[in-house]
C-alpha atoms as a PDB file:
ATOM      1  CA  MET A   1      37.518 110.601 119.690  1.00  0.00           C
ATOM      2  CA  LEU A   2      39.686 107.648 120.843  1.00  0.00           C
ATOM      3  CA  ARG A   3      39.940 108.986 124.307  1.00  0.00           C
ATOM      4  CA  ALA A   4      36.265 108.462 124.787  1.00  0.00           C
ATOM      5  CA  LEU A   5      35.730 105.129 123.353  1.00  0.00           C
ATOM      6  CA  ALA A   6      36.140 101.620 124.771  1.00  0.00           C
ATOM      7  CA  ILE A   7      36.957  99.235 121.871  1.00  0.00           C
ATOM      8  CA  LEU A   8      37.861  95.850 121.280  1.00  0.00           C
ATOM      9  CA  VAL A   9      41.422  95.290 121.089  1.00  0.00           C
ATOM     10  CA  LEU A  10      43.825  92.346 121.120  1.00  0.00           C
ATOM     11  CA  ALA A  11      46.526  93.350 123.523  1.00  0.00           C
ATOM     12  CA  ALA A  12      50.121  93.275 122.109  1.00  0.00           C
ATOM     13  CA  LEU A  13      51.085  91.354 125.201  1.00  0.00           C
ATOM     14  CA  PRO A  14      49.947  87.651 124.920  1.00  0.00           C
ATOM     15  CA  VAL A  15      46.692  87.069 126.917  1.00  0.00           C
ATOM     16  CA  SER A  16      44.542  84.225 126.993  1.00  0.00           C
ATOM     17  CA  ALA A  17      41.446  85.748 125.611  1.00  0.00           C
ATOM     18  CA  VAL A  18      40.346  88.892 123.624  1.00  0.00           C
ATOM     19  CA  THR A  19      38.840  91.200 126.316  1.00  0.00           C
ATOM     20  CA  VAL A  20      37.210  94.470 126.436  1.00  0.00           C
ATOM     21  CA  ASP A  21      40.240  97.004 126.655  1.00  0.00           C
ATOM     22  CA  ARG A  22      41.028 100.455 126.475  1.00  0.00           C
ATOM     23  CA  ILE A  23      43.695 102.205 124.383  1.00  0.00           C
ATOM     24  CA  ALA A  24      46.487 103.604 126.583  1.00  0.00           C
ATOM     25  CA  ALA A  25      48.547 104.807 124.062  1.00  0.00           C
ATOM     26  CA  ILE A  26      49.394 104.719 120.183  1.00  0.00           C
ATOM     27  CA  VAL A  27      52.924 104.604 119.105  1.00  0.00           C
ATOM     28  CA  ASP A  28      52.526 105.118 115.362  1.00  0.00           C
ATOM     29  CA  GLN A  29      50.459 102.091 114.438  1.00  0.00           C
ATOM     30  CA  GLN A  30      51.132 100.174 117.445  1.00  0.00           C
ATOM     31  CA  VAL A  31      48.382  99.940 120.265  1.00  0.00           C
ATOM     32  CA  LEU A  32      49.290  99.773 123.896  1.00  0.00           C
ATOM     33  CA  THR A  33      46.448  98.934 126.043  1.00  0.00           C
ATOM     34  CA  VAL A  34      45.588  99.618 129.513  1.00  0.00           C
ATOM     35  CA  SER A  35      45.479  96.039 130.313  1.00  0.00           C
ATOM     36  CA  GLU A  36      49.101  95.825 129.255  1.00  0.00           C
ATOM     37  CA  VAL A  37      49.792  98.563 131.707  1.00  0.00           C
ATOM     38  CA  THR A  38      47.944  96.433 134.430  1.00  0.00           C
ATOM     39  CA  GLN A  39      49.755  93.292 133.658  1.00  0.00           C
ATOM     40  CA  MET A  40      53.279  94.980 133.918  1.00  0.00           C
ATOM     41  CA  VAL A  41      52.146  96.618 137.086  1.00  0.00           C
ATOM     42  CA  GLU A  42      50.947  93.342 138.621  1.00  0.00           C
ATOM     43  CA  LEU A  43      54.402  91.530 137.664  1.00  0.00           C
ATOM     44  CA  ARG A  44      56.519  94.469 138.943  1.00  0.00           C
ATOM     45  CA  PHE A  45      58.154  94.035 135.598  1.00  0.00           C
ATOM     46  CA  PHE A  46      59.871  97.372 135.838  1.00  0.00           C
ATOM     47  CA  PRO A  47      61.352  98.507 139.170  1.00  0.00           C
ATOM     48  CA  ARG A  48      59.252 100.779 141.234  1.00  0.00           C
ATOM     49  CA  ALA A  49      60.431 104.299 142.000  1.00  0.00           C
ATOM     50  CA  ALA A  50      57.156 106.219 142.006  1.00  0.00           C
ATOM     51  CA  LYS A  51      55.447 106.643 145.551  1.00  0.00           C
ATOM     52  CA  SER A  52      51.771 106.506 144.503  1.00  0.00           C
ATOM     53  CA  ASP A  53      50.127 103.711 142.580  1.00  0.00           C
ATOM     54  CA  ASP A  54      48.971 106.100 139.898  1.00  0.00           C
ATOM     55  CA  ASP A  55      52.281 107.559 139.192  1.00  0.00           C
ATOM     56  CA  TYR A  56      53.849 104.085 138.996  1.00  0.00           C
ATOM     57  CA  ARG A  57      51.009 103.090 136.237  1.00  0.00           C
ATOM     58  CA  ARG A  58      52.273 106.202 134.385  1.00  0.00           C
ATOM     59  CA  ASP A  59      55.850 105.315 134.643  1.00  0.00           C
ATOM     60  CA  VAL A  60      55.046 101.770 133.454  1.00  0.00           C
ATOM     61  CA  LEU A  61      53.101 103.216 130.447  1.00  0.00           C
ATOM     62  CA  ASP A  62      56.097 105.395 129.794  1.00  0.00           C
ATOM     63  CA  ALA A  63      58.351 102.525 130.114  1.00  0.00           C
ATOM     64  CA  LEU A  64      56.009 100.499 127.578  1.00  0.00           C
ATOM     65  CA  ILE A  65      56.204 103.402 125.113  1.00  0.00           C
ATOM     66  CA  ALA A  66      60.192 103.832 125.370  1.00  0.00           C
ATOM     67  CA  GLN A  67      60.544  99.853 124.873  1.00  0.00           C
ATOM     68  CA  ALA A  68      58.456  99.800 121.943  1.00  0.00           C
ATOM     69  CA  LEU A  69      60.444 102.827 120.452  1.00  0.00           C
ATOM     70  CA  ARG A  70      63.491 101.241 121.221  1.00  0.00           C
ATOM     71  CA  TYR A  71      62.815  97.727 120.105  1.00  0.00           C
ATOM     72  CA  ARG A  72      61.753  98.941 116.603  1.00  0.00           C
ATOM     73  CA  ASP A  73      65.306 100.300 116.214  1.00  0.00           C
ATOM     74  CA  VAL A  74      66.769  97.083 117.591  1.00  0.00           C
ATOM     75  CA  GLU A  75      64.837  95.117 114.845  1.00  0.00           C
ATOM     76  CA  ARG A  76      66.468  97.266 112.048  1.00  0.00           C
ATOM     77  CA  PHE A  77      69.619  96.033 113.021  1.00  0.00           C
ATOM     78  CA  GLY A  78      69.013  92.605 114.002  1.00  0.00           C
ATOM     79  CA  ALA A  79      68.005  91.390 117.596  1.00  0.00           C
ATOM     80  CA  GLN A  80      70.632  89.553 119.398  1.00  0.00           C
ATOM     81  CA  ASP A  81      69.879  86.050 120.454  1.00  0.00           C
ATOM     82  CA  ILE A  82      69.838  85.902 124.271  1.00  0.00           C
ATOM     83  CA  SER A  83      70.909  82.903 126.251  1.00  0.00           C
ATOM     84  CA  ALA A  84      68.279  80.886 128.421  1.00  0.00           C
ATOM     85  CA  ASP A  85      70.550  81.370 131.388  1.00  0.00           C
ATOM     86  CA  THR A  86      70.221  85.227 131.038  1.00  0.00           C
ATOM     87  CA  ILE A  87      66.588  85.026 130.548  1.00  0.00           C
ATOM     88  CA  GLU A  88      66.147  82.894 133.832  1.00  0.00           C
ATOM     89  CA  ALA A  89      68.384  85.122 135.781  1.00  0.00           C
ATOM     90  CA  ARG A  90      66.367  88.255 134.763  1.00  0.00           C
ATOM     91  CA  LEU A  91      63.309  86.212 135.716  1.00  0.00           C
ATOM     92  CA  VAL A  92      64.540  85.512 139.106  1.00  0.00           C
ATOM     93  CA  GLU A  93      65.387  89.167 139.499  1.00  0.00           C
ATOM     94  CA  ILE A  94      61.616  89.679 138.964  1.00  0.00           C
ATOM     95  CA  GLN A  95      60.503  86.952 141.343  1.00  0.00           C
ATOM     96  CA  ARG A  96      62.745  88.533 144.039  1.00  0.00           C
ATOM     97  CA  ARG A  97      60.582  91.598 143.939  1.00  0.00           C
ATOM     98  CA  PHE A  98      57.801  89.528 145.595  1.00  0.00           C
ATOM     99  CA  ALA A  99      57.769  88.473 149.286  1.00  0.00           C
ATOM    100  CA  SER A 100      57.434  84.538 148.004  1.00  0.00           C
ATOM    101  CA  ILE A 101      57.075  82.500 145.097  1.00  0.00           C
ATOM    102  CA  GLU A 102      53.572  82.056 145.814  1.00  0.00           C
ATOM    103  CA  GLU A 103      53.051  85.708 145.862  1.00  0.00           C
ATOM    104  CA  PHE A 104      54.741  85.906 142.391  1.00  0.00           C
ATOM    105  CA  ASN A 105      52.649  83.020 141.004  1.00  0.00           C
ATOM    106  CA  ALA A 106      49.428  84.782 142.170  1.00  0.00           C
ATOM    107  CA  ALA A 107      50.404  87.899 140.434  1.00  0.00           C
ATOM    108  CA  LEU A 108      51.215  86.036 136.956  1.00  0.00           C
ATOM    109  CA  ALA A 109      47.848  84.547 137.359  1.00  0.00           C
ATOM    110  CA  ARG A 110      46.189  87.895 137.871  1.00  0.00           C
ATOM    111  CA  ALA A 111      48.188  88.961 134.842  1.00  0.00           C
ATOM    112  CA  GLU A 112      46.803  86.141 132.722  1.00  0.00           C
ATOM    113  CA  LEU A 113      50.455  85.328 131.642  1.00  0.00           C
ATOM    114  CA  THR A 114      52.258  81.802 131.562  1.00  0.00           C
ATOM    115  CA  LEU A 115      55.988  81.723 132.348  1.00  0.00           C
ATOM    116  CA  ASP A 116      57.051  81.043 128.864  1.00  0.00           C
ATOM    117  CA  GLU A 117      54.859  84.444 127.887  1.00  0.00           C
ATOM    118  CA  LEU A 118      56.625  86.382 130.569  1.00  0.00           C
ATOM    119  CA  ARG A 119      60.199  84.937 129.422  1.00  0.00           C
ATOM    120  CA  ALA A 120      59.150  86.338 125.925  1.00  0.00           C
ATOM    121  CA  LEU A 121      58.708  89.675 127.445  1.00  0.00           C
ATOM    122  CA  VAL A 122      62.003  89.269 129.457  1.00  0.00           C
ATOM    123  CA  LYS A 123      63.897  88.249 126.229  1.00  0.00           C
ATOM    124  CA  ARG A 124      62.736  91.238 124.285  1.00  0.00           C
ATOM    125  CA  GLN A 125      63.714  93.597 127.097  1.00  0.00           C
ATOM    126  CA  LEU A 126      67.286  91.929 127.357  1.00  0.00           C
ATOM    127  CA  GLN A 127      67.665  92.180 123.505  1.00  0.00           C
ATOM    128  CA  VAL A 128      66.957  95.842 123.905  1.00  0.00           C
ATOM    129  CA  GLU A 129      69.616  96.247 126.707  1.00  0.00           C
ATOM    130  CA  ALA A 130      72.273  94.292 124.616  1.00  0.00           C
ATOM    131  CA  TYR A 131      71.637  96.314 121.839  1.00  0.00           C
ATOM    132  CA  ILE A 132      72.308  99.435 124.005  1.00  0.00           C
ATOM    133  CA  LYS A 133      75.388  98.078 125.265  1.00  0.00           C
ATOM    134  CA  GLU A 134      76.835  97.343 121.958  1.00  0.00           C
ATOM    135  CA  ARG A 135      75.927 100.581 120.448  1.00  0.00           C
ATOM    136  CA  PHE A 136      76.320 103.188 123.327  1.00  0.00           C
ATOM    137  CA  ALA A 137      78.774 101.657 125.698  1.00  0.00           C
ATOM    138  CA  PRO A 138      81.701 101.887 123.432  1.00  0.00           C
ATOM    139  CA  LEU A 139      81.143 105.858 123.168  1.00  0.00           C
ATOM    140  CA  VAL A 140      81.349 106.455 126.780  1.00  0.00           C
ATOM    141  CA  PHE A 141      84.852 107.602 127.849  1.00  0.00           C
ATOM    142  CA  ILE A 142      85.541 108.162 131.514  1.00  0.00           C
ATOM    143  CA  SER A 143      88.648 109.924 132.446  1.00  0.00           C
ATOM    144  CA  ASN A 144      90.403 110.222 135.633  1.00  0.00           C
ATOM    145  CA  ASP A 145      89.170 113.699 136.280  1.00  0.00           C
ATOM    146  CA  ASP A 146      85.643 112.398 135.738  1.00  0.00           C
ATOM    147  CA  ILE A 147      86.158 109.764 138.321  1.00  0.00           C
ATOM    148  CA  ASP A 148      87.692 112.259 140.902  1.00  0.00           C
ATOM    149  CA  ALA A 149      84.798 114.806 140.308  1.00  0.00           C
ATOM    150  CA  TYR A 150      81.999 112.198 140.858  1.00  0.00           C
ATOM    151  CA  TYR A 151      83.956 110.532 143.894  1.00  0.00           C
ATOM    152  CA  ARG A 152      84.091 114.049 145.629  1.00  0.00           C
ATOM    153  CA  GLY A 153      80.722 114.911 144.610  1.00  0.00           C
ATOM    154  CA  PRO A 154      77.591 112.627 144.112  1.00  0.00           C
ATOM    155  CA  TRP A 155      79.427 109.232 145.284  1.00  0.00           C
ATOM    156  CA  ALA A 156      80.644 111.022 148.636  1.00  0.00           C
ATOM    157  CA  THR A 157      77.122 112.671 149.119  1.00  0.00           C
ATOM    158  CA  GLN A 158      75.243 109.436 148.755  1.00  0.00           C
ATOM    159  CA  ARG A 159      77.414 107.773 151.171  1.00  0.00           C
ATOM    160  CA  ARG A 160      77.066 110.595 153.807  1.00  0.00           C
ATOM    161  CA  GLU A 161      73.232 110.658 153.442  1.00  0.00           C
ATOM    162  CA  ARG A 162      73.344 106.757 154.338  1.00  0.00           C
ATOM    163  CA  GLY A 163      75.575 107.254 157.091  1.00  0.00           C
ATOM    164  CA  LEU A 164      78.262 105.232 155.673  1.00  0.00           C
ATOM    165  CA  PRO A 165      82.200 105.854 155.705  1.00  0.00           C
ATOM    166  CA  ILE A 166      83.900 107.247 152.704  1.00  0.00           C
ATOM    167  CA  PRO A 167      86.977 105.071 151.752  1.00  0.00           C
ATOM    168  CA  ALA A 168      89.832 106.632 149.863  1.00  0.00           C
ATOM    169  CA  LEU A 169      89.523 107.084 146.224  1.00  0.00           C
ATOM    170  CA  ALA A 170      92.337 104.276 145.374  1.00  0.00           C
ATOM    171  CA  GLN A 171      90.156 101.706 147.266  1.00  0.00           C
ATOM    172  CA  VAL A 172      86.915 102.136 145.451  1.00  0.00           C
ATOM    173  CA  ARG A 173      88.101 103.675 142.034  1.00  0.00           C
ATOM    174  CA  GLU A 174      86.612 100.884 140.021  1.00  0.00           C
ATOM    175  CA  GLU A 175      83.274 101.292 141.895  1.00  0.00           C
ATOM    176  CA  VAL A 176      83.176 104.968 141.120  1.00  0.00           C
ATOM    177  CA  ARG A 177      84.193 104.500 137.587  1.00  0.00           C
ATOM    178  CA  ALA A 178      81.235 101.889 137.038  1.00  0.00           C
ATOM    179  CA  ALA A 179      78.794 104.456 138.611  1.00  0.00           C
ATOM    180  CA  VAL A 180      79.926 107.088 136.122  1.00  0.00           C
ATOM    181  CA  GLN A 181      79.880 104.916 133.276  1.00  0.00           C
ATOM    182  CA  SER A 182      76.343 103.975 134.402  1.00  0.00           C
ATOM    183  CA  SER A 183      75.188 107.599 134.606  1.00  0.00           C
ATOM    184  CA  ARG A 184      76.850 108.589 131.172  1.00  0.00           C
ATOM    185  CA  LEU A 185      75.268 105.323 129.509  1.00  0.00           C
ATOM    186  CA  GLN A 186      71.789 106.376 130.931  1.00  0.00           C
ATOM    187  CA  GLU A 187      72.194 109.883 129.533  1.00  0.00           C
ATOM    188  CA  GLU A 188      72.871 108.478 126.200  1.00  0.00           C
ATOM    189  CA  ILE A 189      69.919 106.279 126.420  1.00  0.00           C
ATOM    190  CA  GLU A 190      67.805 109.072 127.440  1.00  0.00           C
ATOM    191  CA  LYS A 191      68.969 111.230 124.371  1.00  0.00           C
ATOM    192  CA  TRP A 192      68.474 108.299 121.714  1.00  0.00           C
ATOM    193  CA  THR A 193      64.947 107.662 123.255  1.00  0.00           C
ATOM    194  CA  THR A 194      64.067 111.432 123.050  1.00  0.00           C
ATOM    195  CA  GLN A 195      65.157 111.306 119.398  1.00  0.00           C
ATOM    196  CA  LEU A 196      63.155 108.155 118.664  1.00  0.00           C
ATOM    197  CA  ARG A 197      59.954 109.672 120.304  1.00  0.00           C
ATOM    198  CA  ALA A 198      60.409 112.792 118.156  1.00  0.00           C
ATOM    199  CA  ARG A 199      60.260 110.984 115.042  1.00  0.00           C
ATOM    200  CA  ALA A 200      57.465 108.984 116.048  1.00  0.00           C
ATOM    201  CA  ASN A 201      53.459 110.147 116.651  1.00  0.00           C
ATOM    202  CA  VAL A 202      52.840 109.195 120.075  1.00  0.00           C
ATOM    203  CA  ASP A 203      49.260 109.801 121.715  1.00  0.00           C
ATOM    204  CA  ILE A 204      48.735 108.679 125.155  1.00  0.00           C
ATOM    205  CA  TYR A 205      45.017 108.401 126.513  1.00  0.00           C
ATOM    206  CA  ALA A 206      45.014 106.534 129.866  1.00  0.00           C
ATOM    207  CA  TRP A 207      47.133 104.498 132.178  1.00  0.00           C
ATOM    208  CA  ARG A 208      44.421 103.169 134.507  1.00  0.00           C
END
């Protein structure tokens, strides 16, 4: 029934007024709206990998669902405070996804968000990332064999595809180690998120 209804909702993201909106997804009792998806798309809040606009909107909704699930787990153990400098650095990263500051400000206006409201969203995202680093990073062990295998496999393949030279492992060991650690950490994050989603009631209705 919810799929067919357009209802009045107050978006979970801060907006300037209550608007007629549609439900994008429900995570247990938390409503995510189509306007929230649009806001994140306008601001390029999540890096874009999808080729089509429709696929990107679906990716954004998936990211919002994952973030909602993760943040609930973060709150259970206490969200870390995030320094203003760290928040500003992430804000600059988002701004650099636009050709100019004017283009970014126009997107912010279309999203009906203030800079302070965007900072609040950035802070929440960084709190999740800090929790992940504290909880999962110590569990990731990288052996010399892991580094060697990644260097000869994915790392070298990516360099060849980009037409780049392949330095000796001794010259790039720490770079390869960081790449392996990032890959392993992402696997842990995905496993954790899958577990969170399995324990929740997630219903998806629309993303545009």
